[in-house]
């Protein structure tokens, strides 16, 4: 599980290479809703250069297989989907 799926905690700023801080939740774009069933987006902000990073909280299993990152909710969605695809009785 550590090799396939990456745990997302806080992003590093591309410019400053420091950990960014959570700033606020924002609404997903239409594309994020349609392609990944995102319900909210976490917006992170660099305290040095003020750049932003968007982290969509995807729910769609195919999108999670593509991004391969998240936290407990994303890992549980993906694991439940994979378990059901192998005919195991599973619940989220």
Protein backbone atom coordinates (compact mmCIF):
# COMPACT_ATOMS: atom_id res chain seq x y z
CA UNK A 1 0.00 0.00 0.00
CA UNK A 2 2.92 2.39 0.53
CA UNK A 3 4.24 1.86 -3.00
CA UNK A 4 1.04 2.42 -4.97
CA UNK A 5 -0.80 5.08 -3.00
CA UNK A 6 0.92 8.21 -1.67
CA UNK A 7 -0.26 9.83 1.54
CA UNK A 8 -0.94 13.55 1.05
CA UNK A 9 -0.27 15.74 4.04
CA UNK A 10 0.93 19.20 3.01
CA UNK A 11 2.47 20.24 -0.30
CA UNK A 12 5.88 21.81 -0.67
CA UNK A 13 6.08 25.15 -2.44
CA UNK A 14 7.62 24.79 -5.91
CA UNK A 15 9.44 28.11 -5.53
CA UNK A 16 10.55 28.15 -1.88
CA UNK A 17 10.68 24.40 -1.18
CA UNK A 18 8.98 24.84 2.21
CA UNK A 19 5.79 23.19 3.46
CA UNK A 20 2.69 25.18 2.64
CA UNK A 21 -0.09 25.92 5.13
CA UNK A 22 -3.76 25.11 4.73
CA UNK A 23 -5.59 28.28 3.74
CA UNK A 24 -9.25 27.42 3.05
CA UNK A 25 -11.74 25.12 1.36
CA UNK A 26 -12.98 26.21 -2.04
CA UNK A 27 -15.49 24.86 -4.56
CA UNK A 28 -14.28 22.40 -7.21
CA UNK A 29 -14.27 23.27 -10.88
CA UNK A 30 -16.82 21.64 -13.15
CA UNK A 31 -14.10 19.36 -14.52
CA UNK A 32 -13.05 18.25 -11.01
CA UNK A 33 -16.68 17.44 -10.17
CA UNK A 34 -17.38 15.61 -13.42
CA UNK A 35 -14.14 13.64 -13.76
CA UNK A 36 -13.31 12.94 -10.14
CA UNK A 37 -16.50 13.52 -8.14
CA UNK A 38 -14.66 16.14 -6.05
CA UNK A 39 -16.87 17.74 -3.41
CA UNK A 40 -14.32 20.22 -2.06
CA UNK A 41 -10.85 21.53 -2.76
CA UNK A 42 -8.23 22.24 -0.12
CA UNK A 43 -6.30 25.40 -0.92
CA UNK A 44 -2.77 25.70 0.51
CA UNK A 45 -0.71 28.89 0.63
CA UNK A 46 3.03 29.48 0.92
CA UNK A 47 3.86 31.81 3.80
CA UNK A 48 6.92 33.16 1.97
CA UNK A 49 5.95 33.77 -1.66
CA UNK A 50 2.13 33.49 -1.24
CA UNK A 51 1.75 30.98 -4.09
CA UNK A 52 -1.22 28.59 -3.91
CA UNK A 53 -1.69 24.83 -4.34
CA UNK A 54 -5.06 23.16 -4.97
CA UNK A 55 -5.69 19.67 -3.60
CA UNK A 56 -8.96 18.19 -4.88
CA UNK A 57 -10.57 15.62 -2.60
CA UNK A 58 -11.58 13.11 -5.28
CA UNK A 59 -14.07 10.30 -4.66
CA UNK A 60 -14.26 8.58 -8.06
CA UNK A 61 -12.25 5.34 -8.02
CA UNK A 62 -10.92 5.76 -11.57
CA UNK A 63 -9.63 9.24 -10.75
CA UNK A 64 -8.03 7.91 -7.56
CA UNK A 65 -6.30 5.20 -9.59
CA UNK A 66 -4.96 7.98 -11.78
CA UNK A 67 -3.81 10.40 -9.05
CA UNK A 68 -2.72 7.70 -6.57
CA UNK A 69 -2.68 10.11 -3.64
CA UNK A 70 -4.88 11.23 -0.80
CA UNK A 71 -5.66 10.51 2.81
CA UNK A 72 -7.89 8.07 4.69
CA UNK A 73 -11.06 8.86 2.73
CA UNK A 74 -9.43 8.43 -0.67
CA UNK A 75 -7.62 5.25 0.40
CA UNK A 76 -10.84 3.79 1.83
CA UNK A 77 -12.79 4.60 -1.36
CA UNK A 78 -10.16 2.96 -3.52
CA UNK A 79 -9.68 -0.08 -1.28
CA UNK A 80 -13.43 -0.68 -1.06
CA UNK A 81 -13.79 -0.45 -4.83
CA UNK A 82 -10.90 -2.86 -5.43
CA UNK A 83 -12.27 -5.30 -2.83
CA UNK A 84 -15.71 -5.27 -4.48
CA UNK A 85 -14.16 -5.80 -7.91
CA UNK A 86 -12.66 -9.03 -6.53
CA UNK A 87 -16.12 -10.09 -5.26
CA UNK A 88 -15.39 -9.49 -1.59
CA UNK A 89 -18.31 -8.23 0.44
CA UNK A 90 -17.19 -4.75 1.42
CA UNK A 91 -18.58 -1.58 2.89
CA UNK A 92 -17.06 1.85 3.13
